[in-house]
PDB file of N, CA and C in Angstrom:
ATOM      1  N   MET A   1     -25.544  37.512 -14.119  1.00  0.00           N
ATOM      2  CA  MET A   1     -25.657  36.269 -14.805  1.00  0.00           C
ATOM      3  C   MET A   1     -24.486  35.836 -15.436  1.00  0.00           C
ATOM      4  N   ILE A   2     -23.539  36.485 -16.149  1.00  0.00           N
ATOM      5  CA  ILE A   2     -22.338  36.026 -16.504  1.00  0.00           C
ATOM      6  C   ILE A   2     -21.289  35.558 -15.412  1.00  0.00           C
ATOM      7  N   ASN A   3     -21.490  36.280 -14.255  1.00  0.00           N
ATOM      8  CA  ASN A   3     -20.691  35.742 -13.167  1.00  0.00           C
ATOM      9  C   ASN A   3     -21.225  34.484 -12.700  1.00  0.00           C
ATOM     10  N   ASN A   4     -22.544  34.136 -12.713  1.00  0.00           N
ATOM     11  CA  ASN A   4     -23.030  32.831 -12.434  1.00  0.00           C
ATOM     12  C   ASN A   4     -22.451  31.725 -13.278  1.00  0.00           C
ATOM     13  N   LEU A   5     -22.534  31.984 -14.522  1.00  0.00           N
ATOM     14  CA  LEU A   5     -22.026  31.157 -15.781  1.00  0.00           C
ATOM     15  C   LEU A   5     -20.595  30.875 -15.336  1.00  0.00           C
ATOM     16  N   ILE A   6     -19.727  31.837 -15.025  1.00  0.00           N
ATOM     17  CA  ILE A   6     -18.424  31.544 -14.832  1.00  0.00           C
ATOM     18  C   ILE A   6     -18.131  30.805 -13.620  1.00  0.00           C
ATOM     19  N   ALA A   7     -18.761  31.178 -12.573  1.00  0.00           N
ATOM     20  CA  ALA A   7     -18.646  30.398 -11.356  1.00  0.00           C
ATOM     21  C   ALA A   7     -19.104  28.839 -11.510  1.00  0.00           C
ATOM     22  N   TYR A   8     -20.119  28.677 -12.377  1.00  0.00           N
ATOM     23  CA  TYR A   8     -20.589  27.385 -12.512  1.00  0.00           C
ATOM     24  C   TYR A   8     -19.588  26.510 -13.404  1.00  0.00           C
ATOM     25  N   ALA A   9     -18.921  27.187 -14.442  1.00  0.00           N
ATOM     26  CA  ALA A   9     -18.023  26.564 -15.141  1.00  0.00           C
ATOM     27  C   ALA A   9     -16.761  26.203 -14.431  1.00  0.00           C
ATOM     28  N   HIS A  10     -16.343  27.297 -13.631  1.00  0.00           N
ATOM     29  CA  HIS A  10     -15.102  26.961 -12.783  1.00  0.00           C
ATOM     30  C   HIS A  10     -15.532  25.746 -11.802  1.00  0.00           C
ATOM     31  N   ASP A  11     -16.523  25.850 -11.223  1.00  0.00           N
ATOM     32  CA  ASP A  11     -16.946  24.660 -10.241  1.00  0.00           C
ATOM     33  C   ASP A  11     -16.884  23.302 -11.179  1.00  0.00           C
ATOM     34  N   ARG A  12     -17.363  23.189 -12.326  1.00  0.00           N
ATOM     35  CA  ARG A  12     -17.356  21.943 -13.125  1.00  0.00           C
ATOM     36  C   ARG A  12     -15.949  21.467 -13.470  1.00  0.00           C
ATOM     37  N   ILE A  13     -15.230  22.552 -13.785  1.00  0.00           N
ATOM     38  CA  ILE A  13     -13.847  22.156 -14.215  1.00  0.00           C
ATOM     39  C   ILE A  13     -13.123  21.619 -12.844  1.00  0.00           C
ATOM     40  N   GLU A  14     -13.277  22.350 -11.643  1.00  0.00           N
ATOM     41  CA  GLU A  14     -12.579  21.912 -10.479  1.00  0.00           C
ATOM     42  C   GLU A  14     -13.014  20.583 -10.176  1.00  0.00           C
ATOM     43  N   LYS A  15     -14.397  20.071 -10.294  1.00  0.00           N
ATOM     44  CA  LYS A  15     -14.867  18.767  -9.937  1.00  0.00           C
ATOM     45  C   LYS A  15     -14.316  17.833 -10.845  1.00  0.00           C
ATOM     46  N   ARG A  16     -14.284  18.171 -12.282  1.00  0.00           N
ATOM     47  CA  ARG A  16     -13.778  17.172 -13.226  1.00  0.00           C
ATOM     48  C   ARG A  16     -12.172  16.985 -12.801  1.00  0.00           C
ATOM     49  N   ARG A  17     -11.393  17.863 -12.582  1.00  0.00           N
ATOM     50  CA  ARG A  17     -10.064  17.818 -12.197  1.00  0.00           C
ATOM     51  C   ARG A  17      -9.859  17.001 -11.024  1.00  0.00           C
ATOM     52  N   ASN A  18     -10.700  17.085 -10.017  1.00  0.00           N
ATOM     53  CA  ASN A  18     -10.765  16.133  -8.786  1.00  0.00           C
ATOM     54  C   ASN A  18     -10.975  14.759  -9.188  1.00  0.00           C
ATOM     55  N   PHE A  19     -11.996  14.564  -9.876  1.00  0.00           N
ATOM     56  CA  PHE A  19     -12.379  13.217 -10.228  1.00  0.00           C
ATOM     57  C   PHE A  19     -11.312  12.608 -11.107  1.00  0.00           C
ATOM     58  N   ASN A  20     -10.715  13.326 -12.152  1.00  0.00           N
ATOM     59  CA  ASN A  20      -9.636  12.676 -12.862  1.00  0.00           C
ATOM     60  C   ASN A  20      -8.467  12.353 -12.122  1.00  0.00           C
ATOM     61  N   ARG A  21      -8.215  13.129 -11.081  1.00  0.00           N
ATOM     62  CA  ARG A  21      -7.097  12.770 -10.186  1.00  0.00           C
ATOM     63  C   ARG A  21      -7.438  11.581  -9.420  1.00  0.00           C
ATOM     64  N   LEU A  22      -8.648  11.471  -8.824  1.00  0.00           N
ATOM     65  CA  LEU A  22      -8.854  10.186  -8.181  1.00  0.00           C
ATOM     66  C   LEU A  22      -9.097   8.937  -9.077  1.00  0.00           C
ATOM     67  N   ALA A  23      -9.434   9.146 -10.299  1.00  0.00           N
ATOM     68  CA  ALA A  23      -9.550   8.048 -11.284  1.00  0.00           C
ATOM     69  C   ALA A  23      -8.173   7.590 -11.637  1.00  0.00           C
ATOM     70  N   ASN A  24      -7.208   8.595 -11.823  1.00  0.00           N
ATOM     71  CA  ASN A  24      -5.986   8.214 -11.962  1.00  0.00           C
ATOM     72  C   ASN A  24      -5.076   7.460 -11.078  1.00  0.00           C
ATOM     73  N   GLU A  25      -5.355   7.850  -9.766  1.00  0.00           N
ATOM     74  CA  GLU A  25      -4.811   7.113  -8.659  1.00  0.00           C
ATOM     75  C   GLU A  25      -5.514   5.640  -8.573  1.00  0.00           C
ATOM     76  N   ILE A  26      -6.651   5.434  -8.825  1.00  0.00           N
ATOM     77  CA  ILE A  26      -7.272   4.169  -8.796  1.00  0.00           C
ATOM     78  C   ILE A  26      -6.788   3.308 -10.071  1.00  0.00           C
ATOM     79  N   ALA A  27      -6.572   4.004 -11.236  1.00  0.00           N
ATOM     80  CA  ALA A  27      -6.078   3.167 -12.247  1.00  0.00           C
ATOM     81  C   ALA A  27      -4.581   2.719 -12.083  1.00  0.00           C
ATOM     82  N   SER A  28      -3.928   3.549 -11.403  1.00  0.00           N
ATOM     83  CA  SER A  28      -2.549   3.114 -11.189  1.00  0.00           C
ATOM     84  C   SER A  28      -2.367   2.071 -10.196  1.00  0.00           C
ATOM     85  N   LEU A  29      -3.429   1.545  -9.498  1.00  0.00           N
ATOM     86  CA  LEU A  29      -3.360   0.445  -8.643  1.00  0.00           C
ATOM     87  C   LEU A  29      -3.148  -0.917  -9.366  1.00  0.00           C
ATOM     88  N   SER A  30      -2.123  -1.694  -8.932  1.00  0.00           N
ATOM     89  CA  SER A  30      -2.204  -2.918  -9.666  1.00  0.00           C
ATOM     90  C   SER A  30      -2.988  -3.960  -8.944  1.00  0.00           C
ATOM     91  N   GLN A  31      -3.251  -4.977  -9.804  1.00  0.00           N
ATOM     92  CA  GLN A  31      -4.276  -6.036  -9.351  1.00  0.00           C
ATOM     93  C   GLN A  31      -3.888  -6.578  -8.013  1.00  0.00           C
ATOM     94  N   ARG A  32      -2.553  -6.534  -7.501  1.00  0.00           N
ATOM     95  CA  ARG A  32      -2.184  -7.059  -6.294  1.00  0.00           C
ATOM     96  C   ARG A  32      -2.521  -6.017  -5.228  1.00  0.00           C
ATOM     97  N   ASP A  33      -2.391  -4.669  -5.569  1.00  0.00           N
ATOM     98  CA  ASP A  33      -2.753  -3.646  -4.525  1.00  0.00           C
ATOM     99  C   ASP A  33      -4.373  -3.806  -4.295  1.00  0.00           C
ATOM    100  N   LEU A  34      -5.166  -4.188  -5.550  1.00  0.00           N
ATOM    101  CA  LEU A  34      -6.653  -4.203  -5.242  1.00  0.00           C
ATOM    102  C   LEU A  34      -6.940  -5.422  -4.406  1.00  0.00           C
ATOM    103  N   ALA A  35      -6.152  -6.414  -4.636  1.00  0.00           N
ATOM    104  CA  ALA A  35      -6.382  -7.707  -3.892  1.00  0.00           C
ATOM    105  C   ALA A  35      -6.137  -7.443  -2.382  1.00  0.00           C
ATOM    106  N   ASP A  36      -5.081  -6.834  -2.203  1.00  0.00           N
ATOM    107  CA  ASP A  36      -4.616  -6.488  -0.806  1.00  0.00           C
ATOM    108  C   ASP A  36      -5.731  -5.565  -0.079  1.00  0.00           C
ATOM    109  N   LEU A  37      -6.342  -4.695  -0.804  1.00  0.00           N
ATOM    110  CA  LEU A  37      -7.126  -3.902  -0.302  1.00  0.00           C
ATOM    111  C   LEU A  37      -8.724  -4.464  -0.247  1.00  0.00           C
ATOM    112  N   ARG A  38      -8.804  -5.641  -0.897  1.00  0.00           N
ATOM    113  CA  ARG A  38      -9.938  -6.391  -1.154  1.00  0.00           C
ATOM    114  C   ARG A  38     -11.030  -5.400  -1.799  1.00  0.00           C
ATOM    115  N   ALA A  39     -10.746  -4.716  -2.865  1.00  0.00           N
ATOM    116  CA  ALA A  39     -11.290  -3.796  -3.386  1.00  0.00           C
ATOM    117  C   ALA A  39     -11.584  -3.911  -4.943  1.00  0.00           C
ATOM    118  N   ASP A  40     -12.561  -3.395  -5.563  1.00  0.00           N
ATOM    119  CA  ASP A  40     -12.975  -3.588  -6.970  1.00  0.00           C
ATOM    120  C   ASP A  40     -12.773  -2.266  -7.422  1.00  0.00           C
ATOM    121  N   ARG A  41     -12.059  -2.194  -8.711  1.00  0.00           N
ATOM    122  CA  ARG A  41     -11.783  -0.847  -9.440  1.00  0.00           C
ATOM    123  C   ARG A  41     -13.031  -0.135  -9.678  1.00  0.00           C
ATOM    124  N   GLY A  42     -13.812  -0.824 -10.092  1.00  0.00           N
ATOM    125  CA  GLY A  42     -15.309  -0.312 -10.693  1.00  0.00           C
ATOM    126  C   GLY A  42     -15.980   0.300  -9.544  1.00  0.00           C
ATOM    127  N   GLU A  43     -15.973  -0.228  -8.445  1.00  0.00           N
ATOM    128  CA  GLU A  43     -16.725   0.178  -7.091  1.00  0.00           C
ATOM    129  C   GLU A  43     -15.931   1.415  -6.635  1.00  0.00           C
ATOM    130  N   MET A  44     -14.618   1.365  -6.659  1.00  0.00           N
ATOM    131  CA  MET A  44     -13.860   2.494  -6.236  1.00  0.00           C
ATOM    132  C   MET A  44     -14.191   3.753  -7.243  1.00  0.00           C
ATOM    133  N   LEU A  45     -14.296   3.470  -8.363  1.00  0.00           N
ATOM    134  CA  LEU A  45     -14.630   4.650  -9.339  1.00  0.00           C
ATOM    135  C   LEU A  45     -15.977   5.032  -9.060  1.00  0.00           C
ATOM    136  N   ARG A  46     -16.835   4.265  -8.799  1.00  0.00           N
ATOM    137  CA  ARG A  46     -18.295   4.840  -8.408  1.00  0.00           C
ATOM    138  C   ARG A  46     -18.225   5.718  -7.095  1.00  0.00           C
ATOM    139  N   HIS A  47     -17.331   5.075  -6.113  1.00  0.00           N
ATOM    140  CA  HIS A  47     -17.440   5.993  -4.970  1.00  0.00           C
ATOM    141  C   HIS A  47     -16.686   7.273  -5.203  1.00  0.00           C
ATOM    142  N   ALA A  48     -15.707   7.253  -6.063  1.00  0.00           N
ATOM    143  CA  ALA A  48     -15.012   8.501  -6.141  1.00  0.00           C
ATOM    144  C   ALA A  48     -16.022   9.500  -7.044  1.00  0.00           C
ATOM    145  N   TYR A  49     -16.672   8.987  -7.865  1.00  0.00           N
ATOM    146  CA  TYR A  49     -17.739   9.804  -8.524  1.00  0.00           C
ATOM    147  C   TYR A  49     -18.677  10.387  -7.659  1.00  0.00           C
ATOM    148  N   LYS A  50     -19.269   9.666  -6.709  1.00  0.00           N
ATOM    149  CA  LYS A  50     -20.084  10.048  -5.764  1.00  0.00           C
ATOM    150  C   LYS A  50     -19.498  11.129  -4.970  1.00  0.00           C
ATOM    151  N   LYS A  51     -18.322  10.836  -4.495  1.00  0.00           N
ATOM    152  CA  LYS A  51     -17.510  11.887  -3.526  1.00  0.00           C
ATOM    153  C   LYS A  51     -17.482  13.204  -4.182  1.00  0.00           C
ATOM    154  N   VAL A  52     -17.157  13.150  -5.516  1.00  0.00           N
ATOM    155  CA  VAL A  52     -16.851  14.439  -6.194  1.00  0.00           C
ATOM    156  C   VAL A  52     -18.235  15.118  -6.520  1.00  0.00           C
ATOM    157  N   TYR A  53     -19.129  14.366  -7.202  1.00  0.00           N
ATOM    158  CA  TYR A  53     -20.218  15.084  -7.697  1.00  0.00           C
ATOM    159  C   TYR A  53     -21.465  14.948  -6.845  1.00  0.00           C
ATOM    160  N   GLY A  54     -21.423  14.172  -5.651  1.00  0.00           N
ATOM    161  CA  GLY A  54     -22.471  14.059  -4.739  1.00  0.00           C
ATOM    162  C   GLY A  54     -23.545  13.038  -5.104  1.00  0.00           C
TER     163      GLY A  54
END
């Protein structure tokens, strides 16, 4: 049971780390970068969340 709890916590930490990395990359994009990509920052964050958490 404790092993399951540790594995769950490790998984959650790793997912949060991955999401934060993606969110920071998205936040670092300038408005011009977003325009060049024809992208919306909020939509990109939603996709990043979905990619990490399913």
